[in-house]
Amino acid sequence: MELLILAYFRNYQESYSLTELKDNLGISFGQLDSYLDRLQTERKLRFCEHMLQITEKGMIQLLTSEMRGYRFQTNESDFENEIDVIYKVHKFSEKKWRGTKR
């Protein structure tokens, strides 16, 4: 959970939303507050100009973990190769459904 929080602050440095973070993680504000307090105590997050920021220690932990490439945001180009085709089933209405008499 802490690595996800660190990844979030790496991606959304100055435009973060704690409500969005809470919703993305699926936790309550109380739980999020507890994690944020712990990360600040461990000096992985800090307040700078009234905003939370990931510290060098937090960045090192994130970059040395398996979550180093994780990002919360997605680009539309990530989905360019998806096919948007509707497949029609031929003679679908001629199939016998349960409860129908035919």
PDB file of N, CA and C in Angstrom:
ATOM      1  N   MET A   1       0.826  -1.176   0.000  1.00  0.00           N
ATOM      2  CA  MET A   1       0.000   0.000   0.000  1.00  0.00           C
ATOM      3  C   MET A   1       0.883   1.258   0.000  1.00  0.00           C
ATOM      4  N   GLU A   2       1.951   1.204   0.790  1.00  0.00           N
ATOM      5  CA  GLU A   2       2.846   2.358   0.856  1.00  0.00           C
ATOM      6  C   GLU A   2       3.512   2.617  -0.496  1.00  0.00           C
ATOM      7  N   LEU A   3       3.879   1.564  -1.202  1.00  0.00           N
ATOM      8  CA  LEU A   3       4.494   1.746  -2.511  1.00  0.00           C
ATOM      9  C   LEU A   3       3.506   2.362  -3.500  1.00  0.00           C
ATOM     10  N   LEU A   4       2.245   1.977  -3.422  1.00  0.00           N
ATOM     11  CA  LEU A   4       1.224   2.579  -4.282  1.00  0.00           C
ATOM     12  C   LEU A   4       1.086   4.068  -3.993  1.00  0.00           C
ATOM     13  N   ILE A   5       1.127   4.425  -2.721  1.00  0.00           N
ATOM     14  CA  ILE A   5       1.032   5.838  -2.336  1.00  0.00           C
ATOM     15  C   ILE A   5       2.250   6.603  -2.855  1.00  0.00           C
ATOM     16  N   LEU A   6       3.422   6.033  -2.709  1.00  0.00           N
ATOM     17  CA  LEU A   6       4.634   6.683  -3.215  1.00  0.00           C
ATOM     18  C   LEU A   6       4.572   6.839  -4.735  1.00  0.00           C
ATOM     19  N   ALA A   7       4.088   5.812  -5.426  1.00  0.00           N
ATOM     20  CA  ALA A   7       3.957   5.888  -6.886  1.00  0.00           C
ATOM     21  C   ALA A   7       2.971   6.979  -7.280  1.00  0.00           C
ATOM     22  N   TYR A   8       1.902   7.126  -6.513  1.00  0.00           N
ATOM     23  CA  TYR A   8       0.919   8.169  -6.793  1.00  0.00           C
ATOM     24  C   TYR A   8       1.552   9.553  -6.682  1.00  0.00           C
ATOM     25  N   PHE A   9       2.291   9.790  -5.605  1.00  0.00           N
ATOM     26  CA  PHE A   9       2.908  11.101  -5.423  1.00  0.00           C
ATOM     27  C   PHE A   9       4.039  11.352  -6.412  1.00  0.00           C
ATOM     28  N   ARG A  10       4.651  10.304  -6.924  1.00  0.00           N
ATOM     29  CA  ARG A  10       5.643  10.479  -7.984  1.00  0.00           C
ATOM     30  C   ARG A  10       4.960  10.947  -9.270  1.00  0.00           C
ATOM     31  N   ASN A  11       3.800  10.350  -9.590  1.00  0.00           N
ATOM     32  CA  ASN A  11       3.099  10.692 -10.818  1.00  0.00           C
ATOM     33  C   ASN A  11       2.352  12.025 -10.753  1.00  0.00           C
ATOM     34  N   TYR A  12       1.741  12.309  -9.615  1.00  0.00           N
ATOM     35  CA  TYR A  12       0.909  13.510  -9.482  1.00  0.00           C
ATOM     36  C   TYR A  12       1.559  14.485  -8.512  1.00  0.00           C
ATOM     37  N   GLN A  13       2.720  14.966  -8.847  1.00  0.00           N
ATOM     38  CA  GLN A  13       3.518  15.768  -7.933  1.00  0.00           C
ATOM     39  C   GLN A  13       2.784  16.998  -7.408  1.00  0.00           C
ATOM     40  N   GLU A  14       2.212  17.794  -8.274  1.00  0.00           N
ATOM     41  CA  GLU A  14       1.578  19.022  -7.809  1.00  0.00           C
ATOM     42  C   GLU A  14       0.085  19.069  -8.074  1.00  0.00           C
ATOM     43  N   SER A  15      -0.465  18.029  -8.635  1.00  0.00           N
ATOM     44  CA  SER A  15      -1.894  18.046  -8.944  1.00  0.00           C
ATOM     45  C   SER A  15      -2.601  16.821  -8.369  1.00  0.00           C
ATOM     46  N   TYR A  16      -2.221  16.461  -7.149  1.00  0.00           N
ATOM     47  CA  TYR A  16      -2.806  15.262  -6.559  1.00  0.00           C
ATOM     48  C   TYR A  16      -4.133  15.586  -5.873  1.00  0.00           C
ATOM     49  N   SER A  17      -4.921  14.543  -5.662  1.00  0.00           N
ATOM     50  CA  SER A  17      -6.186  14.641  -4.944  1.00  0.00           C
ATOM     51  C   SER A  17      -6.235  13.492  -3.945  1.00  0.00           C
ATOM     52  N   LEU A  18      -6.344  13.817  -2.675  1.00  0.00           N
ATOM     53  CA  LEU A  18      -6.396  12.757  -1.666  1.00  0.00           C
ATOM     54  C   LEU A  18      -7.667  11.928  -1.807  1.00  0.00           C
ATOM     55  N   THR A  19      -8.743  12.549  -2.268  1.00  0.00           N
ATOM     56  CA  THR A  19      -9.986  11.803  -2.504  1.00  0.00           C
ATOM     57  C   THR A  19      -9.778  10.792  -3.625  1.00  0.00           C
ATOM     58  N   GLU A  20      -9.133  11.219  -4.699  1.00  0.00           N
ATOM     59  CA  GLU A  20      -8.837  10.316  -5.812  1.00  0.00           C
ATOM     60  C   GLU A  20      -7.910   9.186  -5.363  1.00  0.00           C
ATOM     61  N   LEU A  21      -6.900   9.526  -4.580  1.00  0.00           N
ATOM     62  CA  LEU A  21      -5.970   8.510  -4.076  1.00  0.00           C
ATOM     63  C   LEU A  21      -6.697   7.497  -3.208  1.00  0.00           C
ATOM     64  N   LYS A  22      -7.533   7.975  -2.313  1.00  0.00           N
ATOM     65  CA  LYS A  22      -8.309   7.097  -1.440  1.00  0.00           C
ATOM     66  C   LYS A  22      -9.183   6.159  -2.267  1.00  0.00           C
ATOM     67  N   ASP A  23      -9.855   6.707  -3.277  1.00  0.00           N
ATOM     68  CA  ASP A  23     -10.723   5.890  -4.125  1.00  0.00           C
ATOM     69  C   ASP A  23      -9.924   4.870  -4.934  1.00  0.00           C
ATOM     70  N   ASN A  24      -8.780   5.281  -5.452  1.00  0.00           N
ATOM     71  CA  ASN A  24      -7.938   4.351  -6.221  1.00  0.00           C
ATOM     72  C   ASN A  24      -7.425   3.201  -5.363  1.00  0.00           C
ATOM     73  N   LEU A  25      -7.131   3.492  -4.102  1.00  0.00           N
ATOM     74  CA  LEU A  25      -6.607   2.456  -3.211  1.00  0.00           C
ATOM     75  C   LEU A  25      -7.711   1.625  -2.569  1.00  0.00           C
ATOM     76  N   GLY A  26      -8.937   2.150  -2.574  1.00  0.00           N
ATOM     77  CA  GLY A  26     -10.059   1.429  -1.968  1.00  0.00           C
ATOM     78  C   GLY A  26      -9.995   1.403  -0.453  1.00  0.00           C
ATOM     79  N   ILE A  27      -9.532   2.508   0.147  1.00  0.00           N
ATOM     80  CA  ILE A  27      -9.435   2.589   1.602  1.00  0.00           C
ATOM     81  C   ILE A  27     -10.168   3.832   2.089  1.00  0.00           C
ATOM     82  N   SER A  28     -10.331   3.935   3.398  1.00  0.00           N
ATOM     83  CA  SER A  28     -11.009   5.090   3.986  1.00  0.00           C
ATOM     84  C   SER A  28     -10.019   6.238   4.182  1.00  0.00           C
ATOM     85  N   PHE A  29     -10.569   7.427   4.468  1.00  0.00           N
ATOM     86  CA  PHE A  29      -9.699   8.565   4.753  1.00  0.00           C
ATOM     87  C   PHE A  29      -8.865   8.315   6.001  1.00  0.00           C
ATOM     88  N   GLY A  30      -9.437   7.639   6.991  1.00  0.00           N
ATOM     89  CA  GLY A  30      -8.697   7.319   8.208  1.00  0.00           C
ATOM     90  C   GLY A  30      -7.492   6.437   7.930  1.00  0.00           C
ATOM     91  N   GLN A  31      -7.689   5.426   7.101  1.00  0.00           N
ATOM     92  CA  GLN A  31      -6.586   4.545   6.740  1.00  0.00           C
ATOM     93  C   GLN A  31      -5.533   5.292   5.930  1.00  0.00           C
ATOM     94  N   LEU A  32      -5.993   6.123   4.991  1.00  0.00           N
ATOM     95  CA  LEU A  32      -5.059   6.908   4.181  1.00  0.00           C
ATOM     96  C   LEU A  32      -4.251   7.842   5.066  1.00  0.00           C
ATOM     97  N   ASP A  33      -4.916   8.483   6.013  1.00  0.00           N
ATOM     98  CA  ASP A  33      -4.234   9.393   6.933  1.00  0.00           C
ATOM     99  C   ASP A  33      -3.156   8.658   7.725  1.00  0.00           C
ATOM    100  N   SER A  34      -3.473   7.444   8.147  1.00  0.00           N
ATOM    101  CA  SER A  34      -2.504   6.636   8.891  1.00  0.00           C
ATOM    102  C   SER A  34      -1.275   6.325   8.033  1.00  0.00           C
ATOM    103  N   TYR A  35      -1.502   5.926   6.781  1.00  0.00           N
ATOM    104  CA  TYR A  35      -0.378   5.638   5.876  1.00  0.00           C
ATOM    105  C   TYR A  35       0.447   6.896   5.624  1.00  0.00           C
ATOM    106  N   LEU A  36      -0.218   8.020   5.396  1.00  0.00           N
ATOM    107  CA  LEU A  36       0.503   9.263   5.117  1.00  0.00           C
ATOM    108  C   LEU A  36       1.330   9.701   6.319  1.00  0.00           C
ATOM    109  N   ASP A  37       0.768   9.540   7.528  1.00  0.00           N
ATOM    110  CA  ASP A  37       1.532   9.863   8.743  1.00  0.00           C
ATOM    111  C   ASP A  37       2.776   8.989   8.856  1.00  0.00           C
ATOM    112  N   ARG A  38       2.605   7.700   8.599  1.00  0.00           N
ATOM    113  CA  ARG A  38       3.738   6.768   8.692  1.00  0.00           C
ATOM    114  C   ARG A  38       4.818   7.121   7.673  1.00  0.00           C
ATOM    115  N   LEU A  39       4.406   7.431   6.447  1.00  0.00           N
ATOM    116  CA  LEU A  39       5.382   7.776   5.412  1.00  0.00           C
ATOM    117  C   LEU A  39       6.104   9.082   5.720  1.00  0.00           C
ATOM    118  N   GLN A  40       5.420  10.005   6.381  1.00  0.00           N
ATOM    119  CA  GLN A  40       6.076  11.252   6.787  1.00  0.00           C
ATOM    120  C   GLN A  40       7.050  10.995   7.944  1.00  0.00           C
ATOM    121  N   THR A  41       6.635  10.152   8.886  1.00  0.00           N
ATOM    122  CA  THR A  41       7.514   9.805  10.014  1.00  0.00           C
ATOM    123  C   THR A  41       8.779   9.113   9.517  1.00  0.00           C
ATOM    124  N   GLU A  42       8.628   8.256   8.507  1.00  0.00           N
ATOM    125  CA  GLU A  42       9.773   7.542   7.935  1.00  0.00           C
ATOM    126  C   GLU A  42      10.539   8.406   6.921  1.00  0.00           C
ATOM    127  N   ARG A  43      10.107   9.639   6.746  1.00  0.00           N
ATOM    128  CA  ARG A  43      10.737  10.622   5.849  1.00  0.00           C
ATOM    129  C   ARG A  43      10.731  10.187   4.382  1.00  0.00           C
ATOM    130  N   LYS A  44       9.643   9.530   3.991  1.00  0.00           N
ATOM    131  CA  LYS A  44       9.475   9.153   2.588  1.00  0.00           C
ATOM    132  C   LYS A  44       8.546  10.130   1.872  1.00  0.00           C
ATOM    133  N   LEU A  45       7.752  10.842   2.649  1.00  0.00           N
ATOM    134  CA  LEU A  45       6.934  11.951   2.166  1.00  0.00           C
ATOM    135  C   LEU A  45       7.206  13.138   3.061  1.00  0.00           C
ATOM    136  N   ARG A  46       7.035  14.340   2.513  1.00  0.00           N
ATOM    137  CA  ARG A  46       7.220  15.542   3.329  1.00  0.00           C
ATOM    138  C   ARG A  46       6.283  16.631   2.828  1.00  0.00           C
ATOM    139  N   PHE A  47       6.011  17.588   3.692  1.00  0.00           N
ATOM    140  CA  PHE A  47       5.248  18.763   3.301  1.00  0.00           C
ATOM    141  C   PHE A  47       6.219  19.821   2.807  1.00  0.00           C
ATOM    142  N   CYS A  48       5.937  20.377   1.662  1.00  0.00           N
ATOM    143  CA  CYS A  48       6.736  21.465   1.112  1.00  0.00           C
ATOM    144  C   CYS A  48       5.767  22.436   0.453  1.00  0.00           C
ATOM    145  N   GLU A  49       5.741  23.665   0.947  1.00  0.00           N
ATOM    146  CA  GLU A  49       4.827  24.686   0.452  1.00  0.00           C
ATOM    147  C   GLU A  49       3.378  24.196   0.490  1.00  0.00           C
ATOM    148  N   HIS A  50       2.991  23.625   1.606  1.00  0.00           N
ATOM    149  CA  HIS A  50       1.625  23.152   1.887  1.00  0.00           C
ATOM    150  C   HIS A  50       1.174  21.992   0.995  1.00  0.00           C
ATOM    151  N   MET A  51       2.123  21.280   0.401  1.00  0.00           N
ATOM    152  CA  MET A  51       1.777  20.129  -0.423  1.00  0.00           C
ATOM    153  C   MET A  51       2.674  18.954  -0.056  1.00  0.00           C
ATOM    154  N   LEU A  52       2.108  17.758  -0.132  1.00  0.00           N
ATOM    155  CA  LEU A  52       2.906  16.558   0.104  1.00  0.00           C
ATOM    156  C   LEU A  52       3.764  16.264  -1.115  1.00  0.00           C
ATOM    157  N   GLN A  53       4.998  15.861  -0.862  1.00  0.00           N
ATOM    158  CA  GLN A  53       5.920  15.500  -1.933  1.00  0.00           C
ATOM    159  C   GLN A  53       6.682  14.250  -1.535  1.00  0.00           C
ATOM    160  N   ILE A  54       7.016  13.454  -2.529  1.00  0.00           N
ATOM    161  CA  ILE A  54       7.849  12.285  -2.278  1.00  0.00           C
ATOM    162  C   ILE A  54       9.285  12.765  -2.061  1.00  0.00           C
ATOM    163  N   THR A  55       9.962  12.194  -1.085  1.00  0.00           N
ATOM    164  CA  THR A  55      11.343  12.574  -0.788  1.00  0.00           C
ATOM    165  C   THR A  55      12.304  11.666  -1.546  1.00  0.00           C
ATOM    166  N   GLU A  56      13.575  11.982  -1.437  1.00  0.00           N
ATOM    167  CA  GLU A  56      14.597  11.147  -2.074  1.00  0.00           C
ATOM    168  C   GLU A  56      14.566   9.731  -1.492  1.00  0.00           C
ATOM    169  N   LYS A  57      14.374   9.621  -0.189  1.00  0.00           N
ATOM    170  CA  LYS A  57      14.298   8.309   0.465  1.00  0.00           C
ATOM    171  C   LYS A  57      13.106   7.513  -0.059  1.00  0.00           C
ATOM    172  N   GLY A  58      11.966   8.184  -0.225  1.00  0.00           N
ATOM    173  CA  GLY A  58      10.779   7.529  -0.768  1.00  0.00           C
ATOM    174  C   GLY A  58      10.985   7.108  -2.210  1.00  0.00           C
ATOM    175  N   MET A  59      11.638   7.970  -2.989  1.00  0.00           N
ATOM    176  CA  MET A  59      11.900   7.664  -4.389  1.00  0.00           C
ATOM    177  C   MET A  59      12.848   6.475  -4.514  1.00  0.00           C
ATOM    178  N   ILE A  60      13.863   6.413  -3.653  1.00  0.00           N
ATOM    179  CA  ILE A  60      14.795   5.283  -3.677  1.00  0.00           C
ATOM    180  C   ILE A  60      14.066   3.986  -3.354  1.00  0.00           C
ATOM    181  N   GLN A  61      13.206   4.018  -2.341  1.00  0.00           N
ATOM    182  CA  GLN A  61      12.455   2.808  -2.005  1.00  0.00           C
ATOM    183  C   GLN A  61      11.585   2.375  -3.176  1.00  0.00           C
ATOM    184  N   LEU A  62      10.934   3.327  -3.820  1.00  0.00           N
ATOM    185  CA  LEU A  62      10.063   3.014  -4.950  1.00  0.00           C
ATOM    186  C   LEU A  62      10.867   2.468  -6.131  1.00  0.00           C
ATOM    187  N   LEU A  63      11.987   3.099  -6.441  1.00  0.00           N
ATOM    188  CA  LEU A  63      12.780   2.696  -7.603  1.00  0.00           C
ATOM    189  C   LEU A  63      13.522   1.375  -7.404  1.00  0.00           C
ATOM    190  N   THR A  64      13.732   0.968  -6.161  1.00  0.00           N
ATOM    191  CA  THR A  64      14.388  -0.311  -5.903  1.00  0.00           C
ATOM    192  C   THR A  64      13.386  -1.436  -5.663  1.00  0.00           C
ATOM    193  N   SER A  65      12.109  -1.127  -5.808  1.00  0.00           N
ATOM    194  CA  SER A  65      11.068  -2.142  -5.619  1.00  0.00           C
ATOM    195  C   SER A  65      10.570  -2.630  -6.980  1.00  0.00           C
ATOM    196  N   GLU A  66       9.713  -3.620  -6.947  1.00  0.00           N
ATOM    197  CA  GLU A  66       9.117  -4.129  -8.175  1.00  0.00           C
ATOM    198  C   GLU A  66       8.090  -3.154  -8.755  1.00  0.00           C
ATOM    199  N   MET A  67       7.758  -2.105  -8.023  1.00  0.00           N
ATOM    200  CA  MET A  67       6.764  -1.128  -8.463  1.00  0.00           C
ATOM    201  C   MET A  67       7.423   0.070  -9.154  1.00  0.00           C
ATOM    202  N   ARG A  68       8.696  -0.017  -9.478  1.00  0.00           N
ATOM    203  CA  ARG A  68       9.416   1.134 -10.028  1.00  0.00           C
ATOM    204  C   ARG A  68       8.774   1.676 -11.301  1.00  0.00           C
ATOM    205  N   GLY A  69       8.167   0.849 -12.120  1.00  0.00           N
ATOM    206  CA  GLY A  69       7.555   1.312 -13.370  1.00  0.00           C
ATOM    207  C   GLY A  69       6.063   1.545 -13.273  1.00  0.00           C
ATOM    208  N   TYR A  70       5.487   1.360 -12.092  1.00  0.00           N
ATOM    209  CA  TYR A  70       4.039   1.495 -11.944  1.00  0.00           C
ATOM    210  C   TYR A  70       3.626   2.949 -12.079  1.00  0.00           C
ATOM    211  N   ARG A  71       2.497   3.176 -12.740  1.00  0.00           N
ATOM    212  CA  ARG A  71       1.956   4.527 -12.836  1.00  0.00           C
ATOM    213  C   ARG A  71       0.440   4.479 -12.751  1.00  0.00           C
ATOM    214  N   PHE A  72      -0.124   5.465 -12.135  1.00  0.00           N
ATOM    215  CA  PHE A  72      -1.569   5.534 -11.979  1.00  0.00           C
ATOM    216  C   PHE A  72      -2.244   6.026 -13.245  1.00  0.00           C
ATOM    217  N   GLN A  73      -1.605   6.906 -13.970  1.00  0.00           N
ATOM    218  CA  GLN A  73      -2.232   7.477 -15.136  1.00  0.00           C
ATOM    219  C   GLN A  73      -2.014   6.587 -16.342  1.00  0.00           C
ATOM    220  N   THR A  74      -2.992   6.595 -17.237  1.00  0.00           N
ATOM    221  CA  THR A  74      -2.872   5.840 -18.469  1.00  0.00           C
ATOM    222  C   THR A  74      -2.981   6.804 -19.638  1.00  0.00           C
ATOM    223  N   ASN A  75      -2.301   6.491 -20.683  1.00  0.00           N
ATOM    224  CA  ASN A  75      -2.371   7.291 -21.895  1.00  0.00           C
ATOM    225  C   ASN A  75      -3.334   6.623 -22.858  1.00  0.00           C
ATOM    226  N   GLU A  76      -4.026   7.405 -23.659  1.00  0.00           N
ATOM    227  CA  GLU A  76      -4.919   6.825 -24.647  1.00  0.00           C
ATOM    228  C   GLU A  76      -4.146   5.959 -25.625  1.00  0.00           C
ATOM    229  N   SER A  77      -2.876   6.271 -25.847  1.00  0.00           N
ATOM    230  CA  SER A  77      -2.064   5.482 -26.776  1.00  0.00           C
ATOM    231  C   SER A  77      -1.856   4.054 -26.271  1.00  0.00           C
ATOM    232  N   ASP A  78      -2.064   3.826 -24.960  1.00  0.00           N
ATOM    233  CA  ASP A  78      -1.943   2.475 -24.415  1.00  0.00           C
ATOM    234  C   ASP A  78      -3.025   1.556 -24.965  1.00  0.00           C
ATOM    235  N   PHE A  79      -4.124   2.163 -25.455  1.00  0.00           N
ATOM    236  CA  PHE A  79      -5.270   1.375 -25.905  1.00  0.00           C
ATOM    237  C   PHE A  79      -5.510   1.505 -27.409  1.00  0.00           C
ATOM    238  N   GLU A  80      -4.550   2.017 -28.159  1.00  0.00           N
ATOM    239  CA  GLU A  80      -4.720   2.243 -29.592  1.00  0.00           C
ATOM    240  C   GLU A  80      -4.955   0.956 -30.361  1.00  0.00           C
ATOM    241  N   ASN A  81      -4.377  -0.136 -29.939  1.00  0.00           N
ATOM    242  CA  ASN A  81      -4.469  -1.374 -30.699  1.00  0.00           C
ATOM    243  C   ASN A  81      -5.728  -2.188 -30.399  1.00  0.00           C
ATOM    244  N   GLU A  82      -6.568  -1.701 -29.502  1.00  0.00           N
ATOM    245  CA  GLU A  82      -7.797  -2.426 -29.201  1.00  0.00           C
ATOM    246  C   GLU A  82      -8.767  -2.283 -30.368  1.00  0.00           C
ATOM    247  N   ILE A  83      -9.501  -3.319 -30.634  1.00  0.00           N
ATOM    248  CA  ILE A  83     -10.431  -3.325 -31.758  1.00  0.00           C
ATOM    249  C   ILE A  83     -11.834  -3.048 -31.234  1.00  0.00           C
ATOM    250  N   ASP A  84     -12.486  -2.084 -31.842  1.00  0.00           N
ATOM    251  CA  ASP A  84     -13.857  -1.741 -31.473  1.00  0.00           C
ATOM    252  C   ASP A  84     -14.795  -2.255 -32.560  1.00  0.00           C
ATOM    253  N   VAL A  85     -15.027  -3.547 -32.578  1.00  0.00           N
ATOM    254  CA  VAL A  85     -15.874  -4.162 -33.589  1.00  0.00           C
ATOM    255  C   VAL A  85     -17.005  -4.892 -32.883  1.00  0.00           C
ATOM    256  N   ILE A  86     -18.183  -4.748 -33.422  1.00  0.00           N
ATOM    257  CA  ILE A  86     -19.333  -5.472 -32.889  1.00  0.00           C
ATOM    258  C   ILE A  86     -19.482  -6.745 -33.708  1.00  0.00           C
ATOM    259  N   TYR A  87     -19.489  -7.867 -33.023  1.00  0.00           N
ATOM    260  CA  TYR A  87     -19.647  -9.148 -33.690  1.00  0.00           C
ATOM    261  C   TYR A  87     -21.108  -9.561 -33.628  1.00  0.00           C
ATOM    262  N   LYS A  88     -21.689  -9.847 -34.781  1.00  0.00           N
ATOM    263  CA  LYS A  88     -23.095 -10.246 -34.859  1.00  0.00           C
ATOM    264  C   LYS A  88     -23.175 -11.768 -34.915  1.00  0.00           C
ATOM    265  N   VAL A  89     -24.113 -12.313 -34.175  1.00  0.00           N
ATOM    266  CA  VAL A  89     -24.342 -13.747 -34.195  1.00  0.00           C
ATOM    267  C   VAL A  89     -25.437 -14.002 -35.222  1.00  0.00           C
ATOM    268  N   HIS A  90     -25.116 -14.781 -36.254  1.00  0.00           N
ATOM    269  CA  HIS A  90     -26.086 -15.058 -37.311  1.00  0.00           C
ATOM    270  C   HIS A  90     -27.188 -15.966 -36.795  1.00  0.00           C
ATOM    271  N   LYS A  91     -28.400 -15.636 -37.159  1.00  0.00           N
ATOM    272  CA  LYS A  91     -29.590 -16.418 -36.808  1.00  0.00           C
ATOM    273  C   LYS A  91     -29.744 -16.559 -35.301  1.00  0.00           C
ATOM    274  N   PHE A  92     -29.348 -15.532 -34.563  1.00  0.00           N
ATOM    275  CA  PHE A  92     -29.423 -15.563 -33.100  1.00  0.00           C
ATOM    276  C   PHE A  92     -30.862 -15.748 -32.628  1.00  0.00           C
ATOM    277  N   SER A  93     -31.795 -15.052 -33.250  1.00  0.00           N
ATOM    278  CA  SER A  93     -33.185 -15.106 -32.794  1.00  0.00           C
ATOM    279  C   SER A  93     -33.845 -16.444 -33.095  1.00  0.00           C
ATOM    280  N   GLU A  94     -33.249 -17.266 -33.929  1.00  0.00           N
ATOM    281  CA  GLU A  94     -33.822 -18.570 -34.247  1.00  0.00           C
ATOM    282  C   GLU A  94     -33.450 -19.628 -33.220  1.00  0.00           C
ATOM    283  N   LYS A  95     -32.554 -19.294 -32.289  1.00  0.00           N
ATOM    284  CA  LYS A  95     -32.157 -20.249 -31.260  1.00  0.00           C
ATOM    285  C   LYS A  95     -33.306 -20.454 -30.286  1.00  0.00           C
ATOM    286  N   LYS A  96     -33.445 -21.649 -29.799  1.00  0.00           N
ATOM    287  CA  LYS A  96     -34.501 -21.949 -28.838  1.00  0.00           C
ATOM    288  C   LYS A  96     -34.015 -21.598 -27.438  1.00  0.00           C
ATOM    289  N   TRP A  97     -34.784 -20.804 -26.737  1.00  0.00           N
ATOM    290  CA  TRP A  97     -34.455 -20.382 -25.393  1.00  0.00           C
ATOM    291  C   TRP A  97     -35.278 -21.192 -24.403  1.00  0.00           C
ATOM    292  N   ARG A  98     -34.791 -21.332 -23.205  1.00  0.00           N
ATOM    293  CA  ARG A  98     -35.529 -22.049 -22.177  1.00  0.00           C
ATOM    294  C   ARG A  98     -36.864 -21.369 -21.935  1.00  0.00           C
ATOM    295  N   GLY A  99     -37.874 -22.142 -21.840  1.00  0.00           N
ATOM    296  CA  GLY A  99     -39.194 -21.603 -21.533  1.00  0.00           C
ATOM    297  C   GLY A  99     -39.966 -21.170 -22.775  1.00  0.00           C
ATOM    298  N   THR A 100     -39.345 -21.198 -23.932  1.00  0.00           N
ATOM    299  CA  THR A 100     -40.070 -20.828 -25.138  1.00  0.00           C
ATOM    300  C   THR A 100     -40.567 -22.093 -25.815  1.00  0.00           C
ATOM    301  N   LYS A 101     -41.699 -21.974 -26.427  1.00  0.00           N
ATOM    302  CA  LYS A 101     -42.261 -23.141 -27.136  1.00  0.00           C
ATOM    303  C   LYS A 101     -41.976 -22.969 -28.614  1.00  0.00           C
ATOM    304  N   ARG A 102     -41.437 -23.997 -29.182  1.00  0.00           N
ATOM    305  CA  ARG A 102     -41.112 -23.949 -30.591  1.00  0.00           C
ATOM    306  C   ARG A 102     -41.088 -25.301 -31.193  1.00  0.00           C
TER     307      ARG A 102
END
